[in-house]
């Protein structure tokens, strides 16, 4: 079994590396077809810009600013999304009532949402607010679906002992909803980072990746733009692992709490 898993992991790694090479070939081919090395620089130029940026302290400050915005948006959307999702899971009336709002938030163009938030709030709050509004439907839908999938017999069992409370939420609902929420968070991380950078670009957030990309485009430094895109891809891959790690830690904690204590010798 271990050898089979190792071979599958090796195949996935090989396929991923080939995919990275394919992306580089496409960028190189676009430069040849367009005959414009300013907009489509050579892959070696992009890699040199990437290593130059990742070895600069300023780049890590930009990454930190953008990551803070992303984590704040995930926290806000989690609290609101879980609350709305549980309410929709418990009540068909609330689910039907909130459906038009969720459809609106999912379908509205990013630029329109950012412009509306820019009018309503100060610019420093725009990345957080705009991204949270886009992520709330994603998390609430996962929470609602997970809540509705819970076995009714399990609900009847806990209702014999107590009403719905925080203990029931963390010991019954969230473990069962974890699979739905994990997939939602994996999508939310990638989507959220793109939305954060877009909002930072539009409102010119100081010391952020969005501001850096704007400056690079203004000075026609396209190799830096591709390097920043590569940095964002790596950030998405790293942050996407957080839900998996947190889920494992949560399962270990719940398993430890649920297991009976070992007998003393």
Protein backbone atom coordinates (compact mmCIF):
# COMPACT_ATOMS: atom_id res chain seq x y z
CA UNK A 1 0.00 0.00 0.00
CA UNK A 2 2.82 2.39 0.90
CA UNK A 3 4.63 1.71 -2.37
CA UNK A 4 1.44 2.34 -4.37
CA UNK A 5 0.91 5.65 -2.59
CA UNK A 6 4.55 6.56 -3.22
CA UNK A 7 4.22 5.83 -6.94
CA UNK A 8 1.01 7.87 -7.17
CA UNK A 9 2.70 10.78 -5.38
CA UNK A 10 5.66 10.57 -7.75
CA UNK A 11 3.32 10.62 -10.75
CA UNK A 12 1.49 13.66 -9.38
CA UNK A 13 4.80 15.46 -8.80
CA UNK A 14 6.00 14.62 -12.30
CA UNK A 15 2.72 15.77 -13.84
CA UNK A 16 2.86 19.03 -11.88
CA UNK A 17 6.45 19.71 -13.00
CA UNK A 18 5.50 19.01 -16.60
CA UNK A 19 2.61 21.43 -16.20
CA UNK A 20 4.99 24.14 -15.00
CA UNK A 21 7.23 23.50 -18.01
CA UNK A 22 4.17 23.68 -20.27
CA UNK A 23 3.27 27.12 -18.87
CA UNK A 24 6.81 28.33 -19.52
CA UNK A 25 6.65 27.01 -23.08
CA UNK A 26 3.34 28.79 -23.68
CA UNK A 27 4.78 32.10 -22.47
CA UNK A 28 7.83 31.57 -24.69
CA UNK A 29 5.63 30.68 -27.68
CA UNK A 30 3.45 33.75 -27.11
CA UNK A 31 6.55 35.92 -27.27
CA UNK A 32 7.60 34.29 -30.53
CA UNK A 33 4.15 34.66 -32.09
CA UNK A 34 3.65 38.24 -30.93
CA UNK A 35 7.30 39.11 -31.55
CA UNK A 36 7.15 41.33 -28.47
CA UNK A 37 9.65 40.49 -25.75
CA UNK A 38 8.52 43.49 -23.71
CA UNK A 39 5.07 42.04 -22.95
CA UNK A 40 6.17 38.39 -23.18
CA UNK A 41 9.73 38.27 -21.81
CA UNK A 42 11.85 35.15 -21.98
CA UNK A 43 11.42 32.57 -19.25
CA UNK A 44 15.02 33.04 -18.00
CA UNK A 45 14.30 36.77 -17.58
CA UNK A 46 11.17 35.94 -15.54
CA UNK A 47 13.11 33.51 -13.35
CA UNK A 48 15.86 36.07 -12.75
CA UNK A 49 13.22 38.63 -11.75
CA UNK A 50 11.58 36.05 -9.48
CA UNK A 51 14.78 35.24 -7.58
CA UNK A 52 15.62 38.94 -7.38
CA UNK A 53 12.24 39.68 -5.82
CA UNK A 54 12.13 36.78 -3.36
CA UNK A 55 15.57 37.76 -2.04
CA UNK A 56 14.42 41.32 -1.39
CA UNK A 57 13.09 42.30 2.04
CA UNK A 58 10.60 44.69 0.44
CA UNK A 59 8.92 41.81 -1.41
CA UNK A 60 8.30 39.98 1.85
CA UNK A 61 6.71 43.14 3.24
CA UNK A 62 4.38 43.21 0.23
CA UNK A 63 3.56 39.52 0.72
CA UNK A 64 2.89 40.07 4.42
CA UNK A 65 0.48 42.94 3.73
CA UNK A 66 -1.47 40.93 1.16
CA UNK A 67 -1.51 37.80 3.32
CA UNK A 68 -2.86 39.82 6.26
CA UNK A 69 -5.69 41.09 4.05
CA UNK A 70 -6.39 37.52 2.90
CA UNK A 71 -6.42 36.05 6.42
CA UNK A 72 -8.65 38.86 7.67
CA UNK A 73 -11.08 38.31 4.78
CA UNK A 74 -11.12 34.55 5.42
CA UNK A 75 -11.81 35.13 9.13
CA UNK A 76 -14.66 37.58 8.47
CA UNK A 77 -16.22 35.45 5.73
CA UNK A 78 -15.90 32.34 7.92
CA UNK A 79 -17.79 33.87 10.84
CA UNK A 80 -20.53 35.34 8.66
CA UNK A 81 -20.62 32.42 6.21
CA UNK A 82 -20.88 29.77 8.93
CA UNK A 83 -23.62 31.74 10.71
CA UNK A 84 -25.65 32.18 7.54
CA UNK A 85 -24.97 28.61 6.38
CA UNK A 86 -26.17 27.10 9.65
CA UNK A 87 -29.25 29.32 9.57
CA UNK A 88 -29.98 28.19 6.01
CA UNK A 89 -29.39 24.58 6.99
CA UNK A 90 -31.82 24.79 9.90
CA UNK A 91 -34.54 26.78 8.11
CA UNK A 92 -35.86 26.41 4.56
CA UNK A 93 -37.49 29.82 4.91
CA UNK A 94 -34.17 31.56 5.63
CA UNK A 95 -32.47 29.63 2.83
CA UNK A 96 -35.08 30.75 0.31
CA UNK A 97 -35.02 34.32 1.61
CA UNK A 98 -31.22 34.61 1.35
CA UNK A 99 -30.95 32.88 -2.04
CA UNK A 100 -31.33 36.10 -4.13
CA UNK A 101 -28.63 37.82 -2.05
CA UNK A 102 -26.25 34.89 -2.44
CA UNK A 103 -26.87 34.74 -6.19
CA UNK A 104 -26.16 38.48 -6.41
CA UNK A 105 -22.89 38.20 -4.48
CA UNK A 106 -21.74 35.21 -6.54
CA UNK A 107 -22.57 36.69 -9.94
CA UNK A 108 -21.72 40.39 -9.60
CA UNK A 109 -18.51 41.31 -11.51
CA UNK A 110 -15.44 41.92 -9.38
CA UNK A 111 -14.84 45.42 -10.69
CA UNK A 112 -18.44 46.44 -9.94
CA UNK A 113 -18.26 45.12 -6.39
CA UNK A 114 -14.92 46.84 -5.73
CA UNK A 115 -16.21 50.17 -7.10
CA UNK A 116 -19.34 49.97 -4.92
CA UNK A 117 -17.25 49.23 -1.83
CA UNK A 118 -14.86 52.05 -2.75
CA UNK A 119 -17.80 54.47 -2.68
CA UNK A 120 -19.11 53.19 0.65
CA UNK A 121 -15.90 52.69 2.65
CA UNK A 122 -12.45 54.13 3.08
CA UNK A 123 -9.92 52.75 0.63
CA UNK A 124 -7.92 50.87 3.27
CA UNK A 125 -10.99 48.71 4.03
CA UNK A 126 -11.83 47.92 0.40
CA UNK A 127 -9.67 44.74 -0.03
CA UNK A 128 -11.07 43.22 3.17
CA UNK A 129 -14.72 44.15 2.56
CA UNK A 130 -14.89 43.33 -1.16
CA UNK A 131 -13.15 39.97 -0.79
CA UNK A 132 -15.28 39.00 2.23
CA UNK A 133 -18.47 39.70 0.30
CA UNK A 134 -17.35 37.37 -2.48
CA UNK A 135 -16.27 34.57 -0.14
CA UNK A 136 -19.31 34.59 2.15
CA UNK A 137 -21.60 32.77 -0.35
CA UNK A 138 -18.91 30.14 -0.98
CA UNK A 139 -18.53 29.29 2.70
CA UNK A 140 -22.21 29.62 3.58
CA UNK A 141 -23.21 27.25 0.77
CA UNK A 142 -20.72 24.64 2.01
CA UNK A 143 -21.90 25.07 5.60
CA UNK A 144 -25.55 24.81 4.57
CA UNK A 145 -24.95 21.67 2.49
CA UNK A 146 -22.94 20.03 5.26
CA UNK A 147 -25.60 20.88 7.84
CA UNK A 148 -28.36 19.39 5.71
CA UNK A 149 -26.37 16.19 5.16
CA UNK A 150 -26.23 15.39 8.89
CA UNK A 151 -28.11 12.21 9.77
CA UNK A 152 -31.42 12.99 11.46
CA UNK A 153 -30.88 10.14 13.93
CA UNK A 154 -27.70 11.83 15.14
CA UNK A 155 -29.60 15.09 15.62
CA UNK A 156 -32.31 13.29 17.59
CA UNK A 157 -29.66 11.76 19.86
CA UNK A 158 -28.08 15.04 20.90
CA UNK A 159 -31.49 16.67 21.31
CA UNK A 160 -32.32 14.08 23.94
CA UNK A 161 -29.48 15.46 26.07
CA UNK A 162 -29.40 19.18 25.27
CA UNK A 163 -30.45 21.89 22.87
CA UNK A 164 -28.15 23.27 20.18
CA UNK A 165 -25.14 24.97 21.79
CA UNK A 166 -21.46 25.63 21.12
CA UNK A 167 -20.47 22.16 22.34
CA UNK A 168 -22.87 20.53 19.87
CA UNK A 169 -21.58 22.84 17.13
CA UNK A 170 -17.92 21.89 17.67
CA UNK A 171 -18.44 18.22 18.56
CA UNK A 172 -21.24 17.26 16.14
CA UNK A 173 -21.78 19.72 13.30
CA UNK A 174 -18.30 20.99 12.42
CA UNK A 175 -16.64 17.51 12.25
CA UNK A 176 -19.35 16.31 9.88
CA UNK A 177 -19.25 19.53 7.86
CA UNK A 178 -15.43 19.48 7.69
CA UNK A 179 -15.26 17.84 4.26
CA UNK A 180 -17.56 20.43 2.68
CA UNK A 181 -15.77 23.31 4.41
CA UNK A 182 -12.32 22.05 3.39
CA UNK A 183 -13.23 22.10 -0.30
CA UNK A 184 -14.78 25.54 0.12
CA UNK A 185 -11.63 26.87 1.78
CA UNK A 186 -9.36 25.45 -0.90
CA UNK A 187 -11.38 27.37 -3.50
CA UNK A 188 -11.66 30.43 -1.25
CA UNK A 189 -7.89 30.75 -0.80
CA UNK A 190 -7.13 30.97 -4.51
CA UNK A 191 -10.13 33.12 -5.29
CA UNK A 192 -9.55 35.32 -2.25
CA UNK A 193 -5.92 36.03 -3.12
CA UNK A 194 -6.86 37.08 -6.66
CA UNK A 195 -9.62 39.32 -5.34
CA UNK A 196 -7.34 40.84 -2.71
CA UNK A 197 -4.65 41.70 -5.26
CA UNK A 198 -7.24 43.09 -7.67
CA UNK A 199 -8.71 45.34 -4.97
CA UNK A 200 -5.23 46.43 -3.87
CA UNK A 201 -4.42 47.25 -7.49
CA UNK A 202 -7.52 49.40 -7.90
CA UNK A 203 -7.26 51.33 -4.63
CA UNK A 204 -3.44 51.50 -4.64
CA UNK A 205 -2.99 49.93 -1.23
CA UNK A 206 0.39 50.89 0.16
CA UNK A 207 3.06 48.17 0.50
CA UNK A 208 0.98 45.43 -1.15
CA UNK A 209 1.33 43.06 -4.09
CA UNK A 210 -1.44 44.89 -5.93
CA UNK A 211 0.42 48.19 -5.66
CA UNK A 212 3.67 46.52 -6.75
CA UNK A 213 2.01 45.04 -9.84
CA UNK A 214 0.56 48.45 -10.72
CA UNK A 215 3.99 50.06 -10.41
CA UNK A 216 5.57 47.34 -12.56
CA UNK A 217 2.95 47.78 -15.29
CA UNK A 218 3.35 51.57 -15.17
CA UNK A 219 7.10 51.25 -15.78
CA UNK A 220 6.68 48.41 -18.32
CA UNK A 221 8.51 45.92 -16.10
CA UNK A 222 6.59 42.91 -17.38
CA UNK A 223 9.13 40.35 -16.19
CA UNK A 224 8.38 41.56 -12.65
CA UNK A 225 4.65 41.15 -13.27
CA UNK A 226 5.14 37.51 -14.27
CA UNK A 227 7.45 37.04 -11.27
CA UNK A 228 4.77 38.43 -8.95
CA UNK A 229 2.27 36.07 -10.57
CA UNK A 230 4.61 33.16 -9.82
CA UNK A 231 4.89 34.34 -6.20
CA UNK A 232 1.10 34.45 -5.94
CA UNK A 233 0.84 30.90 -7.30
CA UNK A 234 3.27 29.66 -4.66
CA UNK A 235 1.33 31.55 -1.97
CA UNK A 236 -1.91 29.88 -3.05
CA UNK A 237 -0.26 26.45 -2.92
CA UNK A 238 1.12 27.12 0.56
CA UNK A 239 -2.01 28.69 2.05
CA UNK A 240 -4.24 26.02 0.49
CA UNK A 241 -2.56 23.47 2.74
CA UNK A 242 -3.70 25.34 5.86
CA UNK A 243 -7.26 23.91 5.85
CA UNK A 244 -5.81 20.38 5.53
CA UNK A 245 -3.38 20.96 8.42
CA UNK A 246 -6.06 22.55 10.60
CA UNK A 247 -8.46 19.71 9.80
CA UNK A 248 -5.87 17.13 10.85
CA UNK A 249 -5.18 18.99 14.08
CA UNK A 250 -8.91 19.28 14.78
CA UNK A 251 -9.43 15.56 14.19
CA UNK A 252 -6.54 14.70 16.49
CA UNK A 253 -7.96 16.91 19.23
CA UNK A 254 -11.46 15.46 18.91
CA UNK A 255 -10.10 11.90 18.77
CA UNK A 256 -8.02 12.53 21.88
CA UNK A 257 -11.04 13.93 23.70
CA UNK A 258 -13.27 11.09 22.58
CA UNK A 259 -10.92 8.24 23.52
CA UNK A 260 -11.24 6.87 27.07
CA UNK A 261 -8.28 7.46 29.37
CA UNK A 262 -5.70 4.72 29.57
CA UNK A 263 -5.81 2.68 32.78
CA UNK A 264 -3.16 3.58 35.32
CA UNK A 265 -0.70 0.89 36.26
